[in-house]
Amino acid sequence: MTVDRAVLMLAGFMVLVSLALGLYVSPYWHFLTAFVGLNLMQASVTGFCPAALIFKRLGCKPGVAFE
């Protein structure tokens, strides 16, 4: 799996988890959804993503977006 795909999978997973937690636990969990979205927007503009650095260290292959 490439770093790009791992980052997208993590972001999608976090959005789904935070939406479920927001629905069943507390609506404040929706702030996590907003944070994930803002982080994706920031990464698309700057090319910097903390999750990409972690996946690189874990041994994922470099991708196109996060080399």
N, C-alpha and C. Protein backbone atom coordinates (compact mmCIF):
# COMPACT_ATOMS: atom_id res chain seq x y z
N MET A 1 0.85 -1.17 0.00
CA MET A 1 0.00 0.00 0.00
C MET A 1 0.90 1.24 0.00
N THR A 2 0.52 2.22 -0.79
CA THR A 2 1.31 3.45 -0.84
C THR A 2 0.88 4.39 0.28
N VAL A 3 1.72 5.37 0.54
CA VAL A 3 1.44 6.36 1.58
C VAL A 3 0.15 7.11 1.25
N ASP A 4 -0.04 7.45 -0.02
CA ASP A 4 -1.23 8.19 -0.42
C ASP A 4 -2.51 7.43 -0.09
N ARG A 5 -2.53 6.16 -0.43
CA ARG A 5 -3.72 5.35 -0.16
C ARG A 5 -3.94 5.14 1.33
N ALA A 6 -2.84 5.00 2.07
CA ALA A 6 -2.96 4.81 3.51
C ALA A 6 -3.54 6.07 4.17
N VAL A 7 -3.10 7.24 3.71
CA VAL A 7 -3.61 8.50 4.26
C VAL A 7 -5.10 8.63 3.95
N LEU A 8 -5.50 8.33 2.73
CA LEU A 8 -6.91 8.42 2.36
C LEU A 8 -7.75 7.43 3.15
N MET A 9 -7.22 6.21 3.35
CA MET A 9 -7.96 5.22 4.12
C MET A 9 -8.12 5.66 5.57
N LEU A 10 -7.06 6.19 6.16
CA LEU A 10 -7.13 6.67 7.53
C LEU A 10 -8.13 7.82 7.65
N ALA A 11 -8.09 8.76 6.70
CA ALA A 11 -9.01 9.89 6.75
C ALA A 11 -10.46 9.42 6.63
N GLY A 12 -10.73 8.52 5.71
CA GLY A 12 -12.09 8.00 5.57
C GLY A 12 -12.56 7.26 6.81
N PHE A 13 -11.67 6.47 7.39
CA PHE A 13 -12.00 5.73 8.61
C PHE A 13 -12.31 6.70 9.75
N MET A 14 -11.48 7.75 9.90
CA MET A 14 -11.68 8.72 10.98
C MET A 14 -13.00 9.48 10.80
N VAL A 15 -13.35 9.80 9.57
CA VAL A 15 -14.62 10.49 9.32
C VAL A 15 -15.79 9.60 9.70
N LEU A 16 -15.75 8.35 9.30
CA LEU A 16 -16.85 7.44 9.62
C LEU A 16 -16.97 7.19 11.12
N VAL A 17 -15.83 7.01 11.79
CA VAL A 17 -15.84 6.79 13.24
C VAL A 17 -16.37 8.02 13.97
N SER A 18 -15.89 9.20 13.56
CA SER A 18 -16.33 10.40 14.27
C SER A 18 -17.81 10.70 14.01
N LEU A 19 -18.30 10.37 12.83
CA LEU A 19 -19.74 10.55 12.58
C LEU A 19 -20.57 9.61 13.44
N ALA A 20 -20.11 8.37 13.57
CA ALA A 20 -20.84 7.41 14.41
C ALA A 20 -20.79 7.85 15.87
N LEU A 21 -19.63 8.28 16.34
CA LEU A 21 -19.52 8.75 17.72
C LEU A 21 -20.37 10.00 17.93
N GLY A 22 -20.42 10.87 16.94
CA GLY A 22 -21.25 12.06 17.04
C GLY A 22 -22.73 11.74 17.11
N LEU A 23 -23.11 10.67 16.43
CA LEU A 23 -24.52 10.27 16.43
C LEU A 23 -24.91 9.57 17.73
N TYR A 24 -24.03 8.70 18.24
CA TYR A 24 -24.40 7.86 19.38
C TYR A 24 -23.84 8.32 20.72
N VAL A 25 -22.79 9.12 20.73
CA VAL A 25 -22.16 9.49 22.00
C VAL A 25 -22.37 10.97 22.30
N SER A 26 -21.80 11.83 21.46
CA SER A 26 -21.90 13.27 21.69
C SER A 26 -21.68 14.00 20.38
N PRO A 27 -22.45 15.04 20.12
CA PRO A 27 -22.26 15.79 18.87
C PRO A 27 -20.90 16.50 18.80
N TYR A 28 -20.21 16.61 19.91
CA TYR A 28 -18.89 17.25 19.90
C TYR A 28 -17.88 16.43 19.09
N TRP A 29 -18.15 15.16 18.86
CA TRP A 29 -17.25 14.35 18.04
C TRP A 29 -17.22 14.82 16.60
N HIS A 30 -18.21 15.60 16.19
CA HIS A 30 -18.21 16.12 14.82
C HIS A 30 -17.07 17.11 14.60
N PHE A 31 -16.52 17.64 15.67
CA PHE A 31 -15.33 18.49 15.52
C PHE A 31 -14.16 17.69 14.97
N LEU A 32 -14.09 16.41 15.29
CA LEU A 32 -13.04 15.56 14.72
C LEU A 32 -13.22 15.42 13.22
N THR A 33 -14.46 15.31 12.77
CA THR A 33 -14.74 15.27 11.34
C THR A 33 -14.26 16.55 10.67
N ALA A 34 -14.54 17.68 11.28
CA ALA A 34 -14.10 18.97 10.74
C ALA A 34 -12.57 19.04 10.72
N PHE A 35 -11.91 18.56 11.77
CA PHE A 35 -10.46 18.58 11.82
C PHE A 35 -9.85 17.73 10.71
N VAL A 36 -10.42 16.57 10.46
CA VAL A 36 -9.92 15.71 9.39
C VAL A 36 -10.08 16.40 8.04
N GLY A 37 -11.22 16.99 7.82
CA GLY A 37 -11.45 17.71 6.57
C GLY A 37 -10.50 18.88 6.38
N LEU A 38 -10.29 19.65 7.44
CA LEU A 38 -9.36 20.77 7.35
C LEU A 38 -7.93 20.29 7.12
N ASN A 39 -7.56 19.18 7.75
CA ASN A 39 -6.22 18.64 7.55
C ASN A 39 -6.04 18.16 6.11
N LEU A 40 -7.07 17.56 5.52
CA LEU A 40 -6.98 17.14 4.12
C LEU A 40 -6.83 18.35 3.19
N MET A 41 -7.58 19.42 3.48
CA MET A 41 -7.46 20.63 2.66
C MET A 41 -6.07 21.24 2.80
N GLN A 42 -5.55 21.30 4.02
CA GLN A 42 -4.22 21.85 4.25
C GLN A 42 -3.16 21.01 3.55
N ALA A 43 -3.29 19.69 3.60
CA ALA A 43 -2.32 18.81 2.95
C ALA A 43 -2.36 18.96 1.44
N SER A 44 -3.52 19.22 0.88
CA SER A 44 -3.61 19.38 -0.57
C SER A 44 -2.93 20.66 -1.03
N VAL A 45 -2.91 21.69 -0.18
CA VAL A 45 -2.29 22.95 -0.55
C VAL A 45 -0.78 22.94 -0.28
N THR A 46 -0.39 22.43 0.89
CA THR A 46 1.02 22.51 1.29
C THR A 46 1.82 21.25 0.97
N GLY A 47 1.16 20.11 0.83
CA GLY A 47 1.87 18.86 0.61
C GLY A 47 2.39 18.23 1.88
N PHE A 48 2.11 18.84 3.03
CA PHE A 48 2.57 18.31 4.32
C PHE A 48 1.42 17.62 5.03
N CYS A 49 1.65 16.39 5.45
CA CYS A 49 0.64 15.64 6.19
C CYS A 49 1.34 14.82 7.26
N PRO A 50 1.01 15.07 8.53
CA PRO A 50 1.63 14.31 9.61
C PRO A 50 1.39 12.80 9.50
N ALA A 51 0.21 12.40 9.05
CA ALA A 51 -0.07 10.97 8.89
C ALA A 51 0.83 10.35 7.84
N ALA A 52 1.16 11.11 6.78
CA ALA A 52 2.04 10.59 5.74
C ALA A 52 3.43 10.30 6.31
N LEU A 53 3.90 11.16 7.19
CA LEU A 53 5.21 10.93 7.81
C LEU A 53 5.21 9.64 8.63
N ILE A 54 4.12 9.42 9.35
CA ILE A 54 4.00 8.21 10.17
C ILE A 54 3.97 6.97 9.28
N PHE A 55 3.19 7.02 8.20
CA PHE A 55 3.11 5.86 7.32
C PHE A 55 4.44 5.59 6.62
N LYS A 56 5.19 6.64 6.30
CA LYS A 56 6.52 6.44 5.72
C LYS A 56 7.42 5.70 6.70
N ARG A 57 7.38 6.10 7.96
CA ARG A 57 8.20 5.44 8.97
C ARG A 57 7.78 4.00 9.22
N LEU A 58 6.51 3.70 8.97
CA LEU A 58 6.01 2.34 9.13
C LEU A 58 6.36 1.46 7.93
N GLY A 59 6.92 2.07 6.89
CA GLY A 59 7.39 1.28 5.76
C GLY A 59 6.51 1.26 4.53
N CYS A 60 5.51 2.14 4.46
CA CYS A 60 4.70 2.20 3.26
C CYS A 60 5.51 2.77 2.09
N LYS A 61 5.20 2.31 0.90
CA LYS A 61 5.90 2.80 -0.29
C LYS A 61 5.50 4.26 -0.55
N PRO A 62 6.42 5.05 -1.09
CA PRO A 62 6.06 6.42 -1.43
C PRO A 62 4.99 6.45 -2.52
N GLY A 63 4.17 7.47 -2.46
CA GLY A 63 3.13 7.63 -3.47
C GLY A 63 3.42 8.84 -4.33
N VAL A 64 2.42 9.32 -5.00
CA VAL A 64 2.57 10.47 -5.88
C VAL A 64 2.43 11.77 -5.09
N ALA A 65 1.45 11.85 -4.22
CA ALA A 65 1.18 13.09 -3.48
C ALA A 65 2.16 13.30 -2.34
N PHE A 66 2.42 12.27 -1.57
CA PHE A 66 3.30 12.38 -0.41
C PHE A 66 4.51 11.50 -0.65
N GLU A 67 5.58 12.10 -1.16
CA GLU A 67 6.78 11.32 -1.48
C GLU A 67 7.74 11.27 -0.34
